Amino acid sequence: MTLLTLRGIKKSFGDTDVLANIDADLASGERVGLVGMNGAGKTTLANLIFGSIQPDEGKLTFHRDQLRIGYLLQSTSYTVSTFSHMMDPLTETDETAQFLQTASYLGLHKVKEWDGERLAGLSGGEKTKLAIAHIWSSKPDILLLDEPTNHLDFDGVDFLVQELQRYKGTTIVISHDRYFLDRTVDRIIELQDGVSTSYPGNYTFYREEKLRRYQSQLHQYEEQQKYEQKIEAEINRLKNWSAKAHREAGKVGKMAEMRAGVKEFYRSKAKSMDKQIKSRIHRLEKIEFEGVKKPNEEAKVAFAWDQPDKRGRRIVEAQRIGKSYGERSLFADSSFYLQRGEKIGLLGPNGCGKTTLIQMLLGQTPVDSGQLWISPTAKVAYLTQDVTDLDQRRTVLELLQENHEIRRDVGKARTLLANMGFDTSMLQKPIAQLSLGERTRIKLSQLMLREQDLLILDEPTNHLDLASREQLEETLSEYRGTLIVVSHDRYLIDQICTKLLVFQESKINRFESGYEAFRERPLSKQTSTGINKQQLEEEKLVIANQMALVLGELSLLKPTDIRYAELDETYKQLLARKKRINSSST
């Protein structure tokens, strides 16, 4: 059943056309991912569906009355006032119980007791979780989720994935998290140049299908180019023959008069050739107007760091370090090291102490116990996840030129910015007019133009569009310096990091593997790192519930359905996990 129809939707802001022609149908219970470059109009389209803005042209038609729409904004859109209103008053109703229960599942405890001061100190992850809990409690018919995984830890993302798989309403997800999109949507709508294009399947299928369509269209275009060249060659040949026929038909003199029949033959031949030339020219014009257009290449952002040459020596060494705040211990008795050139993923739930450890490495926070040694010659650079700390009155160029290292090579800075999608006019824009993704690129460019030995990236892909994320991954893979990455983007961690520092049971442990191998390690080893028998039983119960849920969904599908293969693979993975747990507990 069609729930929402969009036809000919157009929306402009000032002189900027954001949406030029949006046509789409959304079915009841459908799960749609909305993707596109930064500034493509994804949030604008979400606001149009929510009703907070109106289209300039076109029509949105809801096919059911009194639809409830839950809209999760990006975390930066929420204020203390928003959450105060959300929680005041929390009366004893089913909706309140659902709100508190969801908040608890997401790791937010005793929310009912939070006062204004606690709300003012909310982290980005806490804002997102609180907003999700509030929206979930309203039981909406349509869920609009704008970057729902930003600031969520892995457990929070997994919880949201499971809840969305149970949710029976219609879901529209705006996300640059490829792991999340692969597990939560069954159709992708891409916005490009103000126009919408639909792709069946999840994100991985969308990327494969888009490449296939691009290559197919490019092949058709190239074949069309060959055909056009063939017609143009025929036109030139016919023009030469026609010119010769006109010359022969126009000859005068005694001999020519004696050959009047020959002259008439050339006139007729010239006329026929002129007709053929016009026909071929018309054919070329028709191809130009109706033929296959050259497909647009996907916009790419080029990142590039100066590569440090130092390798093979320890740059950081921690010996039994610990840190506490009051009676709360973040971590204790933790020993690890970092070698030059290593790419380390820093993992742990929200609030475990990742930011505190980074502050220690930057020399901003001391250890309470143990020793933390950092090479005295090491230059440490840090990319924070906060993009609101840039001076919004400054233009892009002014901001970069504030640093004396960058001023020495303005040409290099301009080239880098051009590679990152900033044309000359954008360099003169104040930061306040830039999107969050564009501000992230500015912070990255500031970092790239400085020399460093240890690079710490805190959620570097936040606010970056999908193409920019993939390009950043490629660049980081080639980076030869030492790298610490804090990210909830599992694709990024899987692709980049070959070692891990993991916060477990109030301790920081080093693992000599990437995230995928860490995640799939035998449960017997997990038990030795802190998972007790009771936790294993709880894990078995969770898996049993998930298997029952998957079997229930499979029973409603045919083997030919797109979703069937995905659920079948999920069931096999759950079964394998259950077997590993059973073998480790015997």
Protein backbone atom coordinates (compact mmCIF):
# COMPACT_ATOMS: atom_id res chain seq x y z
CA MET A 1 0.00 0.00 0.00
CA THR A 2 1.38 3.40 -1.03
CA LEU A 3 1.69 5.68 1.99
CA LEU A 4 3.27 8.80 0.47
CA THR A 5 3.57 10.13 -3.08
CA LEU A 6 5.93 12.92 -4.15
CA ARG A 7 5.51 14.44 -7.62
CA GLY A 8 7.57 17.19 -9.25
CA ILE A 9 8.91 18.54 -5.94
CA LYS A 10 11.01 21.68 -6.30
CA LYS A 11 12.62 23.75 -3.55
CA SER A 12 15.00 26.71 -3.71
CA PHE A 13 16.65 28.89 -1.11
CA GLY A 14 17.51 32.29 -2.58
CA ASP A 15 19.33 31.70 -5.86
CA THR A 16 20.21 28.10 -4.98
CA ASP A 17 18.01 25.36 -6.46
CA VAL A 18 18.25 22.51 -3.95
CA LEU A 19 15.55 20.17 -5.29
CA ALA A 20 14.71 20.39 -9.00
CA ASN A 21 12.43 17.41 -9.69
CA ILE A 22 11.71 14.83 -7.00
CA ASP A 23 9.39 11.93 -7.86
CA ALA A 24 9.00 9.06 -5.40
CA ASP A 25 6.49 6.64 -3.90
CA LEU A 26 6.88 5.27 -0.37
CA ALA A 27 4.99 2.15 0.67
CA SER A 28 3.68 1.30 4.11
CA GLY A 29 6.36 -0.53 6.10
CA GLU A 30 9.09 0.28 3.58
CA ARG A 31 12.62 1.07 4.77
CA VAL A 32 14.33 3.68 2.60
CA GLY A 33 17.84 5.11 2.77
CA LEU A 34 18.24 8.68 1.50
CA VAL A 35 21.79 9.32 0.23
CA GLY A 36 23.69 12.00 -1.69
CA MET A 37 26.57 14.44 -1.44
CA ASN A 38 26.58 17.10 1.28
CA GLY A 39 24.19 19.85 0.17
CA ALA A 40 22.23 17.52 -2.16
CA GLY A 41 18.98 18.32 -0.31
CA LYS A 42 18.47 15.26 1.91
CA THR A 43 17.56 17.22 5.05
CA THR A 44 15.47 19.62 2.95
CA LEU A 45 13.44 16.67 1.62
CA ALA A 46 13.04 15.30 5.16
CA ASN A 47 11.71 18.69 6.34
CA LEU A 48 9.27 18.76 3.41
CA ILE A 49 7.93 15.32 4.38
CA PHE A 50 7.74 16.35 8.04
CA GLY A 51 5.85 19.51 7.04
CA SER A 52 8.19 22.07 8.62
CA ILE A 53 8.71 23.67 5.17
CA GLN A 54 6.61 23.69 1.99
CA PRO A 55 7.69 22.96 -1.61
CA ASP A 56 7.91 25.79 -4.17
CA GLU A 57 6.35 23.50 -6.78
CA GLY A 58 5.00 19.95 -6.84
CA LYS A 59 2.84 18.01 -4.43
CA LEU A 60 3.25 15.64 -1.47
CA THR A 61 0.25 13.36 -0.97
CA PHE A 62 -0.27 11.27 2.17
CA HIS A 63 -2.67 8.38 1.52
CA ARG A 64 -3.71 7.96 5.16
CA ASP A 65 -5.20 10.46 7.56
CA GLN A 66 -3.67 11.43 10.92
CA LEU A 67 -0.25 9.97 10.30
CA ARG A 68 2.22 10.42 13.16
CA ILE A 69 5.71 11.34 11.97
CA GLY A 70 8.71 10.98 14.28
CA TYR A 71 11.65 13.11 13.14
CA LEU A 72 15.13 12.55 14.63
CA LEU A 73 17.17 15.66 13.88
CA GLN A 74 20.97 15.76 13.88
CA SER A 75 22.26 16.02 17.46
CA THR A 76 23.51 19.60 16.95
CA SER A 77 19.89 20.71 16.41
CA TYR A 78 18.85 19.85 19.98
CA THR A 79 19.11 22.31 22.87
CA VAL A 80 18.65 22.14 26.64
CA SER A 81 15.21 23.67 26.14
CA THR A 82 14.29 20.88 23.69
CA PHE A 83 15.11 18.15 26.20
CA SER A 84 13.57 20.02 29.15
CA HIS A 85 10.30 20.23 27.23
CA MET A 86 10.68 16.56 26.24
CA MET A 87 10.97 15.42 29.86
CA ASP A 88 8.64 17.81 31.68
CA PRO A 89 6.43 16.38 32.98
CA LEU A 90 7.22 12.65 32.87
CA THR A 91 3.85 11.35 34.04
CA GLU A 92 3.04 7.70 34.64
CA THR A 93 1.83 6.73 31.15
CA ASP A 94 2.65 3.94 28.71
CA GLU A 95 4.50 6.47 26.56
CA THR A 96 6.64 7.57 29.52
CA ALA A 97 7.40 3.95 30.43
CA GLN A 98 8.45 3.27 26.83
CA PHE A 99 10.63 6.41 26.85
CA LEU A 100 12.41 5.44 30.08
CA GLN A 101 12.82 1.82 28.98
CA THR A 102 14.36 2.78 25.61
CA ALA A 103 16.66 5.31 27.28
CA SER A 104 17.80 2.58 29.68
CA TYR A 105 18.46 0.16 26.79
CA LEU A 106 20.63 2.84 25.22
CA GLY A 107 22.66 3.25 28.41
CA LEU A 108 20.94 6.36 29.84
CA HIS A 109 20.01 5.54 33.43
CA LYS A 110 17.85 7.44 35.95
CA VAL A 111 16.81 9.90 33.24
CA LYS A 112 13.78 10.90 35.31
CA GLU A 113 16.12 12.45 37.89
CA TRP A 114 18.10 14.57 35.41
CA ASP A 115 17.98 18.32 36.10
CA GLY A 116 18.83 21.33 33.93
CA GLU A 117 22.52 21.16 34.78
CA ARG A 118 22.73 17.52 33.70
CA LEU A 119 20.87 18.30 30.47
CA ALA A 120 23.24 21.19 29.73
CA GLY A 121 26.19 18.80 29.91
CA LEU A 122 24.84 16.21 27.48
CA SER A 123 27.35 14.78 25.03
CA GLY A 124 26.48 14.35 21.35
CA GLY A 125 25.81 10.65 21.93
CA GLU A 126 23.54 11.31 24.90
CA LYS A 127 21.56 13.87 22.89
CA THR A 128 21.04 11.37 20.09
CA LYS A 129 20.02 8.57 22.47
CA LEU A 130 17.59 10.78 24.39
CA ALA A 131 15.98 12.00 21.18
CA ILE A 132 15.68 8.41 19.87
CA ALA A 133 14.02 7.30 23.12
CA HIS A 134 11.52 10.17 22.91
CA ILE A 135 10.63 9.49 19.27
CA TRP A 136 10.31 5.73 19.88
CA SER A 137 7.89 6.30 22.73
CA SER A 138 5.51 8.23 20.44
CA LYS A 139 5.03 5.12 18.24
CA PRO A 140 5.09 6.99 14.91
CA ASP A 141 3.75 5.70 11.58
CA ILE A 142 6.71 7.23 9.71
CA LEU A 143 10.24 7.52 11.12
CA LEU A 144 12.54 10.20 9.70
CA LEU A 145 16.09 9.63 10.97
CA ASP A 146 18.76 12.21 10.10
CA GLU A 147 22.24 10.79 10.85
CA PRO A 148 20.94 8.63 13.73
CA THR A 149 24.29 6.87 14.35
CA ASN A 150 26.38 10.04 14.77
CA HIS A 151 27.93 9.86 18.27
CA LEU A 152 26.39 6.43 19.01
CA ASP A 153 28.76 3.71 20.21
CA PHE A 154 28.70 0.21 18.65
CA ASP A 155 26.20 -1.08 21.23
CA GLY A 156 23.90 1.88 20.55
CA VAL A 157 24.07 1.26 16.79
CA ASP A 158 23.32 -2.46 17.25
CA PHE A 159 20.33 -1.65 19.47
CA LEU A 160 18.98 0.79 16.88
CA VAL A 161 19.47 -1.78 14.08
CA GLN A 162 17.51 -4.39 16.05
CA GLU A 163 14.69 -1.96 16.89
CA LEU A 164 14.36 -0.83 13.27
CA GLN A 165 14.15 -4.47 12.15
CA ARG A 166 11.20 -4.91 14.55
CA TYR A 167 9.56 -1.60 13.62
CA LYS A 168 6.51 -2.08 11.38
CA GLY A 169 6.11 1.50 10.15
CA THR A 170 7.78 3.32 7.26
CA THR A 171 11.39 4.37 7.80
CA ILE A 172 13.37 7.05 5.94
CA VAL A 173 17.03 7.09 6.95
CA ILE A 174 19.54 9.81 6.08
CA SER A 175 22.91 8.33 6.91
CA HIS A 176 26.53 8.12 5.83
CA ASP A 177 27.04 5.00 7.96
CA ARG A 178 27.39 2.17 5.44
CA TYR A 179 27.19 -0.60 8.06
CA PHE A 180 23.94 0.87 9.38
CA LEU A 181 22.39 1.35 5.92
CA ASP A 182 23.26 -2.22 4.91
CA ARG A 183 21.31 -3.58 7.86
CA THR A 184 18.31 -1.27 8.03
CA VAL A 185 17.08 -0.35 4.53
CA ASP A 186 15.77 -2.27 1.52
CA ARG A 187 15.76 0.63 -0.96
CA ILE A 188 18.04 3.57 -1.63
CA ILE A 189 16.88 6.92 -3.03
CA GLU A 190 19.83 8.99 -4.24
CA LEU A 191 19.63 12.78 -4.63
CA GLN A 192 21.95 14.21 -7.26
CA ASP A 193 21.68 17.56 -9.03
CA GLY A 194 18.24 18.04 -7.47
CA VAL A 195 16.82 14.85 -9.01
CA SER A 196 15.93 11.56 -7.28
CA THR A 197 16.93 8.09 -8.50
CA SER A 198 15.70 4.87 -6.86
CA TYR A 199 17.75 1.69 -6.35
CA PRO A 200 16.33 -1.53 -4.87
CA GLY A 201 18.32 -3.21 -2.08
CA ASN A 202 20.67 -2.01 0.64
CA TYR A 203 23.69 0.32 0.41
CA THR A 204 26.13 -2.31 -0.90
CA PHE A 205 23.72 -3.27 -3.70
CA TYR A 206 23.16 0.44 -4.49
CA ARG A 207 26.91 1.01 -4.97
CA GLU A 208 27.22 -2.05 -7.21
CA GLU A 209 24.09 -1.19 -9.19
CA LYS A 210 25.08 2.46 -9.60
CA LEU A 211 28.47 1.40 -10.98
CA ARG A 212 26.78 -1.08 -13.32
CA ARG A 213 24.35 1.61 -14.58
CA TYR A 214 27.22 4.07 -15.01
CA GLN A 215 29.30 1.59 -17.02
CA SER A 216 26.28 0.59 -19.12
CA GLN A 217 25.41 4.21 -19.93
CA LEU A 218 29.06 5.02 -20.62
CA HIS A 219 29.29 2.06 -23.04
CA GLN A 220 26.10 3.17 -24.83
CA TYR A 221 27.43 6.73 -25.01
CA GLU A 222 30.78 5.60 -26.44
CA GLU A 223 29.02 3.43 -29.06
CA GLN A 224 26.80 6.41 -29.90
CA GLN A 225 29.93 8.58 -30.31
CA LYS A 226 31.34 6.05 -32.81
CA TYR A 227 28.03 6.10 -34.71
CA GLU A 228 28.04 9.92 -34.77
CA GLN A 229 31.60 9.93 -36.10
CA LYS A 230 30.55 7.48 -38.82
CA ILE A 231 27.63 9.76 -39.85
CA GLU A 232 29.90 12.83 -39.83
CA ALA A 233 32.36 10.99 -42.12
CA GLU A 234 29.46 10.11 -44.46
CA ILE A 235 28.32 13.76 -44.46
CA ASN A 236 31.84 14.95 -45.38
CA ARG A 237 32.07 12.34 -48.17
CA LEU A 238 28.63 13.26 -49.52
CA LYS A 239 29.53 16.97 -49.40
CA ASN A 240 32.63 16.31 -51.52
CA TRP A 241 30.62 14.26 -54.03
CA SER A 242 27.85 16.88 -54.07
CA ALA A 243 30.35 19.70 -54.70
CA LYS A 244 31.84 17.73 -57.62
CA ALA A 245 28.35 17.04 -59.04
CA HIS A 246 27.45 20.74 -58.77
CA ARG A 247 30.67 21.66 -60.60
CA GLU A 248 29.98 19.16 -63.41
CA ALA A 249 26.37 20.30 -63.73
CA GLY A 250 27.42 23.93 -63.96
CA LYS A 251 30.05 23.61 -66.67
CA VAL A 252 29.46 25.76 -69.80
CA GLY A 253 30.93 25.75 -73.30
CA LYS A 254 30.52 23.89 -76.54
CA MET A 255 31.38 20.48 -75.17
CA ALA A 256 29.11 21.00 -72.20
CA GLU A 257 26.19 21.96 -74.46
CA MET A 258 26.72 18.78 -76.43
CA ARG A 259 26.45 16.82 -73.16
CA ALA A 260 23.17 18.27 -71.91
CA GLY A 261 22.06 14.83 -70.72
CA VAL A 262 25.24 14.44 -68.68
CA LYS A 263 24.68 17.84 -67.02
CA GLU A 264 21.14 16.86 -66.08
CA PHE A 265 22.50 13.62 -64.56
CA TYR A 266 24.90 15.58 -62.34
CA ARG A 267 22.16 18.04 -61.31
CA SER A 268 19.96 15.11 -60.24
CA LYS A 269 22.91 13.47 -58.47
CA ALA A 270 23.78 16.70 -56.63
CA LYS A 271 20.18 17.14 -55.56
CA SER A 272 20.02 13.56 -54.25
CA MET A 273 23.24 13.99 -52.31
CA ASP A 274 22.07 17.29 -50.78
CA LYS A 275 18.94 15.46 -49.62
CA GLN A 276 21.06 12.68 -48.07
CA ILE A 277 23.24 15.28 -46.32
CA LYS A 278 20.18 16.98 -44.81
CA SER A 279 18.84 13.59 -43.67
CA ARG A 280 22.10 12.73 -41.90
CA ILE A 281 22.36 16.17 -40.31
CA HIS A 282 18.80 15.74 -39.01
CA ARG A 283 19.80 12.32 -37.64
CA LEU A 284 22.74 13.88 -35.76
CA GLU A 285 20.50 16.61 -34.31
CA LYS A 286 18.02 13.98 -33.14
CA ILE A 287 20.79 12.01 -31.42
CA GLU A 288 22.03 15.16 -29.72
CA PHE A 289 18.53 15.92 -28.46
CA GLU A 290 17.22 12.41 -27.67
CA GLY A 291 20.32 10.23 -27.50
CA VAL A 292 22.25 8.79 -24.56
CA LYS A 293 23.94 11.50 -22.48
CA LYS A 294 27.45 11.10 -21.17
CA PRO A 295 27.06 9.92 -17.54
CA ASN A 296 28.32 12.28 -14.88
CA GLU A 297 31.35 11.01 -13.02
CA GLU A 298 30.83 10.82 -9.27
CA ALA A 299 32.25 13.88 -7.53
CA LYS A 300 35.43 13.01 -5.66
CA VAL A 301 37.23 14.73 -2.86
CA ALA A 302 41.01 14.31 -2.87
CA PHE A 303 42.74 14.17 0.51
CA ALA A 304 46.54 14.06 0.87
CA TRP A 305 48.83 14.27 3.88
CA ASP A 306 52.54 14.93 3.92
CA GLN A 307 54.09 11.59 4.77
CA PRO A 308 56.44 11.36 7.79
CA ASP A 309 59.56 9.25 7.23
CA LYS A 310 60.23 8.13 10.81
CA ARG A 311 59.23 4.50 11.39
CA GLY A 312 59.93 1.47 13.57
CA ARG A 313 60.35 3.02 17.03
CA ARG A 314 57.93 3.36 19.90
CA ILE A 315 56.17 6.69 20.01
CA VAL A 316 53.95 6.06 23.08
CA GLU A 317 54.35 3.68 26.04
CA ALA A 318 51.94 3.32 28.96
CA GLN A 319 52.89 1.42 32.12
CA ARG A 320 50.04 0.53 34.50
CA ILE A 321 48.29 3.88 34.02
CA GLY A 322 44.99 4.75 35.71
CA LYS A 323 42.52 7.63 35.80
CA SER A 324 39.58 8.42 38.08
CA TYR A 325 37.13 11.26 38.59
CA GLY A 326 35.97 11.32 42.20
CA GLU A 327 34.80 7.83 43.08
CA ARG A 328 34.42 6.81 39.45
CA SER A 329 37.35 4.89 37.96
CA LEU A 330 37.60 5.16 34.16
CA PHE A 331 40.49 2.70 33.81
CA ALA A 332 43.33 1.31 35.91
CA ASP A 333 46.47 -0.83 35.69
CA SER A 334 46.59 -0.42 31.89
CA SER A 335 49.77 -1.04 29.90
CA PHE A 336 50.21 -0.70 26.14
CA TYR A 337 52.46 0.84 23.50
CA LEU A 338 52.25 2.46 20.05
CA GLN A 339 54.88 1.93 17.35
CA ARG A 340 55.59 4.53 14.68
CA GLY A 341 53.60 3.82 11.55
CA GLU A 342 50.86 1.78 13.28
CA LYS A 343 47.18 2.43 12.64
CA ILE A 344 45.29 1.95 15.91
CA GLY A 345 41.52 1.81 16.43
CA LEU A 346 40.41 3.14 19.83
CA LEU A 347 37.24 1.28 20.85
CA GLY A 348 34.89 1.38 23.80
CA PRO A 349 31.36 2.43 24.81
CA ASN A 350 30.44 6.09 25.33
CA GLY A 351 31.80 7.40 28.63
CA CYS A 352 34.52 4.74 29.04
CA GLY A 353 37.40 7.23 28.90
CA LYS A 354 38.43 7.46 25.22
CA THR A 355 38.41 11.28 25.26
CA THR A 356 40.32 11.32 28.57
CA LEU A 357 43.05 9.09 27.07
CA ILE A 358 43.31 11.40 24.07
CA GLN A 359 43.72 14.39 26.42
CA MET A 360 46.53 12.49 28.17
CA LEU A 361 48.29 11.89 24.85
CA LEU A 362 47.94 15.60 24.05
CA GLY A 363 49.43 16.50 27.46
CA GLN A 364 46.23 18.21 28.61
CA THR A 365 45.35 15.73 31.40
CA PRO A 366 47.77 13.94 33.77
CA VAL A 367 47.59 10.27 34.72
CA ASP A 368 46.57 9.49 38.30
CA SER A 369 48.80 6.44 38.54
CA GLY A 370 51.46 4.69 36.48
CA GLN A 371 53.59 6.30 33.78
CA LEU A 372 52.70 7.53 30.29
CA TRP A 373 55.72 8.23 28.05
CA ILE A 374 55.38 10.09 24.75
CA SER A 375 58.39 10.62 22.50
CA PRO A 376 59.64 14.19 23.15
CA THR A 377 60.27 14.69 19.42
CA ALA A 378 56.77 13.60 18.40
CA LYS A 379 54.43 16.19 16.91
CA VAL A 380 50.86 15.26 17.82
CA ALA A 381 47.88 16.55 15.81
CA TYR A 382 44.25 16.14 16.87
CA LEU A 383 41.04 16.38 14.86
CA THR A 384 38.12 16.96 17.22
CA GLN A 385 34.59 15.94 16.26
CA ASP A 386 33.23 19.38 17.18
CA VAL A 387 32.83 21.48 14.01
CA THR A 388 31.08 24.35 15.80
CA ASP A 389 34.33 25.67 17.31
CA LEU A 390 35.45 27.38 14.08
CA ASP A 391 35.20 31.20 14.00
CA GLN A 392 31.98 31.59 12.02
CA ARG A 393 32.70 35.20 11.05
CA ARG A 394 35.90 34.31 9.21
CA THR A 395 36.02 33.23 5.58
CA VAL A 396 37.56 29.89 4.65
CA LEU A 397 40.74 31.53 3.36
CA GLU A 398 41.10 33.83 6.39
CA LEU A 399 40.80 30.87 8.73
CA LEU A 400 43.55 28.94 6.98
CA GLN A 401 45.85 31.96 6.72
CA GLU A 402 45.71 32.50 10.49
CA ASN A 403 48.27 29.69 10.85
CA HIS A 404 51.84 30.73 10.02
CA GLU A 405 52.70 27.25 8.67
CA ILE A 406 49.89 27.59 6.12
CA ARG A 407 50.70 31.23 5.27
CA ARG A 408 54.11 30.10 4.04
CA ASP A 409 52.48 28.10 1.27
CA VAL A 410 49.12 29.64 0.39
CA GLY A 411 49.27 28.04 -3.06
CA LYS A 412 49.41 24.59 -1.50
CA ALA A 413 46.44 25.46 0.73
CA ARG A 414 44.41 26.66 -2.28
CA THR A 415 45.24 23.48 -4.23
CA LEU A 416 44.25 21.28 -1.30
CA LEU A 417 40.96 23.12 -0.87
CA ALA A 418 40.24 22.83 -4.60
CA ASN A 419 40.83 19.07 -4.36
CA MET A 420 38.36 18.98 -1.47
CA GLY A 421 35.61 20.62 -3.50
CA PHE A 422 36.09 24.32 -2.59
CA ASP A 423 36.02 26.61 -5.61
CA THR A 424 37.20 30.25 -5.55
CA SER A 425 33.77 31.62 -4.56
CA MET A 426 33.53 29.23 -1.58
CA LEU A 427 36.90 30.45 -0.26
CA GLN A 428 35.30 33.85 0.33
CA LYS A 429 32.29 32.44 2.21
CA PRO A 430 32.11 32.89 5.99
CA ILE A 431 32.19 29.63 7.96
CA ALA A 432 28.62 30.31 9.15
CA GLN A 433 27.33 29.66 5.60
CA LEU A 434 29.03 26.25 5.27
CA SER A 435 27.40 22.88 5.94
CA LEU A 436 28.66 20.63 8.74
CA GLY A 437 30.35 18.41 6.14
CA GLU A 438 32.13 21.38 4.58
CA ARG A 439 33.30 22.51 8.02
CA THR A 440 34.69 19.03 8.67
CA ARG A 441 36.68 19.30 5.43
CA ILE A 442 38.08 22.66 6.58
CA LYS A 443 39.26 21.12 9.85
CA LEU A 444 40.83 18.25 7.93
CA SER A 445 42.61 20.68 5.61
CA GLN A 446 44.02 22.59 8.60
CA LEU A 447 45.39 19.30 9.91
CA MET A 448 46.83 18.17 6.59
CA LEU A 449 48.80 21.37 6.11
CA ARG A 450 50.74 20.82 9.34
CA GLU A 451 53.56 18.35 9.88
CA GLN A 452 52.84 15.66 12.48
CA ASP A 453 54.11 12.29 13.71
CA LEU A 454 51.00 11.11 15.57
CA LEU A 455 47.59 11.83 14.10
CA ILE A 456 44.52 11.44 16.35
CA LEU A 457 41.19 11.49 14.51
CA ASP A 458 38.03 11.69 16.63
CA GLU A 459 35.04 10.64 14.48
CA PRO A 460 36.66 11.94 11.25
CA THR A 461 33.79 10.79 9.03
CA ASN A 462 31.05 12.59 10.99
CA HIS A 463 29.14 14.86 8.57
CA LEU A 464 31.16 13.65 5.54
CA ASP A 465 29.11 12.31 2.64
CA LEU A 466 29.61 8.75 1.41
CA ALA A 467 31.97 9.60 -1.47
CA SER A 468 34.16 11.70 0.86
CA ARG A 469 34.26 8.87 3.43
CA GLU A 470 35.48 6.39 0.84
CA GLN A 471 38.16 8.79 -0.42
CA LEU A 472 39.31 9.52 3.15
CA GLU A 473 39.60 5.76 3.79
CA GLU A 474 41.82 5.41 0.72
CA THR A 475 44.02 8.28 1.85
CA LEU A 476 44.34 6.99 5.42
CA SER A 477 45.25 3.52 4.09
CA GLU A 478 48.22 5.09 2.28
CA TYR A 479 49.25 7.30 5.22
CA ARG A 480 52.63 6.18 6.59
CA GLY A 481 52.51 7.99 9.94
CA THR A 482 51.12 6.82 13.28
CA LEU A 483 47.35 6.96 13.46
CA ILE A 484 44.79 6.68 16.27
CA VAL A 485 41.19 6.55 15.06
CA VAL A 486 38.15 6.95 17.31
CA SER A 487 35.11 6.11 15.22
CA HIS A 488 31.73 4.42 15.28
CA ASP A 489 32.07 3.89 11.51
CA ARG A 490 32.74 0.13 11.40
CA TYR A 491 33.66 0.22 7.72
CA LEU A 492 36.37 2.80 8.46
CA ILE A 493 37.78 0.81 11.40
CA ASP A 494 37.72 -2.43 9.36
CA GLN A 495 39.48 -0.85 6.39
CA ILE A 496 42.11 1.23 8.20
CA CYS A 497 43.10 -0.13 11.60
CA THR A 498 45.36 -3.16 11.95
CA LYS A 499 45.70 -2.91 15.78
CA LEU A 500 43.23 -1.99 18.52
CA LEU A 501 43.16 -0.38 21.94
CA VAL A 502 39.95 -1.59 23.59
CA PHE A 503 38.36 -0.35 26.83
CA GLN A 504 37.11 -3.46 28.68
CA GLU A 505 36.21 -3.96 32.33
CA SER A 506 37.81 -0.64 33.41
CA LYS A 507 41.05 -1.45 31.62
CA ILE A 508 42.72 -0.58 28.30
CA ASN A 509 43.87 -3.69 26.40
CA ARG A 510 45.93 -3.82 23.21
CA PHE A 511 44.91 -6.33 20.51
CA GLU A 512 47.19 -7.34 17.64
CA SER A 513 44.39 -7.51 15.06
CA GLY A 514 41.83 -5.43 13.20
CA TYR A 515 38.23 -5.04 14.27
CA GLU A 516 36.78 -7.91 12.20
CA ALA A 517 39.20 -10.47 13.68
CA PHE A 518 38.60 -9.02 17.17
CA ARG A 519 34.83 -9.31 16.75
CA GLU A 520 35.01 -12.90 15.49
CA ARG A 521 37.56 -14.19 18.02
CA PRO A 522 36.61 -17.39 19.91
CA LEU A 523 34.29 -16.81 22.84
CA SER A 524 36.67 -18.72 25.12
CA LYS A 525 39.12 -15.84 24.67
CA GLN A 526 36.34 -13.33 25.25
CA THR A 527 35.59 -15.05 28.54
CA SER A 528 39.18 -14.60 29.66
CA THR A 529 38.91 -10.88 28.94
CA GLY A 530 35.93 -10.36 31.21
CA ILE A 531 32.79 -12.11 29.96
CA ASN A 532 31.52 -14.33 32.81
CA LYS A 533 29.11 -17.28 32.75
CA GLN A 534 26.07 -15.12 33.52
CA GLN A 535 26.90 -12.83 30.60
CA LEU A 536 27.17 -15.87 28.33
CA GLU A 537 23.70 -17.01 29.39
CA GLU A 538 22.34 -13.53 28.73
CA GLU A 539 24.04 -13.56 25.32
CA LYS A 540 22.43 -16.94 24.52
CA LEU A 541 19.01 -15.55 25.42
CA VAL A 542 19.51 -12.48 23.21
CA ILE A 543 20.62 -14.67 20.28
CA ALA A 544 17.61 -16.99 20.75
CA ASN A 545 15.26 -13.98 20.60
CA GLN A 546 17.02 -12.63 17.51
CA MET A 547 16.80 -16.04 15.79
CA ALA A 548 13.08 -16.25 16.53
CA LEU A 549 12.59 -12.77 15.11
CA VAL A 550 14.52 -13.60 11.92
CA LEU A 551 12.60 -16.88 11.44
CA GLY A 552 9.34 -14.99 11.87
CA GLU A 553 10.30 -12.52 9.11
CA LEU A 554 11.58 -15.33 6.84
CA SER A 555 8.23 -17.12 7.10
CA LEU A 556 6.54 -14.09 5.51
CA LEU A 557 8.92 -13.91 2.52
CA LYS A 558 9.57 -15.89 -0.63
CA PRO A 559 13.09 -17.14 -1.49
CA THR A 560 13.05 -14.79 -4.51
CA ASP A 561 12.54 -11.67 -2.34
CA ILE A 562 15.57 -9.38 -1.97
CA ARG A 563 15.26 -9.36 1.83
CA TYR A 564 15.16 -13.18 2.06
CA ALA A 565 18.86 -13.74 1.27
CA GLU A 566 19.91 -11.07 3.78
CA LEU A 567 17.80 -12.60 6.57
CA ASP A 568 18.98 -16.10 5.70
CA GLU A 569 22.61 -14.99 6.06
CA THR A 570 21.78 -13.25 9.37
CA TYR A 571 20.21 -16.46 10.67
CA LYS A 572 23.31 -18.47 9.73
CA GLN A 573 25.54 -15.98 11.57
CA LEU A 574 23.35 -16.14 14.68
CA LEU A 575 23.41 -19.93 14.55
CA ALA A 576 27.21 -19.89 14.34
CA ARG A 577 27.40 -17.53 17.33
CA LYS A 578 25.08 -19.79 19.32
CA LYS A 579 27.30 -22.82 18.60
CA ARG A 580 30.42 -20.92 19.71
CA ILE A 581 28.74 -19.92 22.97
CA ASN A 582 27.58 -23.48 23.64
CA SER A 583 31.07 -24.87 22.99
CA SER A 584 32.73 -22.27 25.24
CA SER A 585 30.34 -22.86 28.15
CA THR A 586 30.80 -26.66 28.24
